[in-house]
């Protein structure tokens, strides 16, 4: 589904991403981990067109999408959520999702004309699938942090993506919210036959959900494989120095 080859990006002489190659199979749940400053967010921004690489290529389902702008990638089937939530805080939960459908289904230009009647069923269905049924009329900005992240996941799903890129989907969440979010992601990936690629600092989350893990350190890929291979990799263990890579996680 996603093939990254020799991707590199420097900022003022600093190599944030250095010759990274990575593949994610269709319907695979893959994670990118690494210490702070390892280059995870830069890598995501290169994949999603928010940054242009200095060299290397990104292919989606065999098509070269290197450096294509984010709005074009959205039309090609890449959904993305950010560390900061990107919801409309003054609209209701229902209006947020309905707006996403309006934009992605090509009615964005005459946005609010008769908008109330469009995509009501789709919006209600999506609300239920992301676990926010009953919150339709809640003003989005007043939701708990965990619920705001659920809503943002809904906004990304409204474009009906083939692959979903999630940048630290559980950042800032309580343990309970984190657990619920991971179960939600697993269920949605299964229901929608989605491919997932996410960055995450919480090792329990990573080893609980990922089928494949890639480890970045100082912009380079130092390991890639199934969770047990990565957990037992000597260089990964050295980089993390026991930062929660034990078998209990």
Foldseek 3Di string as FASTA:
>chain_A
DKWWFQFWADDPNQTQAGGETDDFDQLAAEEEEEPPSLNPVVVVCQQQLVDATPDTFMDDPRHTCGNPHNVVVLLVFEFEADPDQDFDQQAFLLVRLLQLLCVLVPNVVVRPDVSVPPCNVVSQVLCVLLPNPVRRRPRLNPDDPLVSLSSSVSSRCSSVGQEYEYEASCPPHDPVSLVVVLVSVVVCSVVSSHGYYYYHHDVCSCLVHGQKYWYGGSNYTPDIGGLVCQLPDVVNCVSCVPVPSDPVD
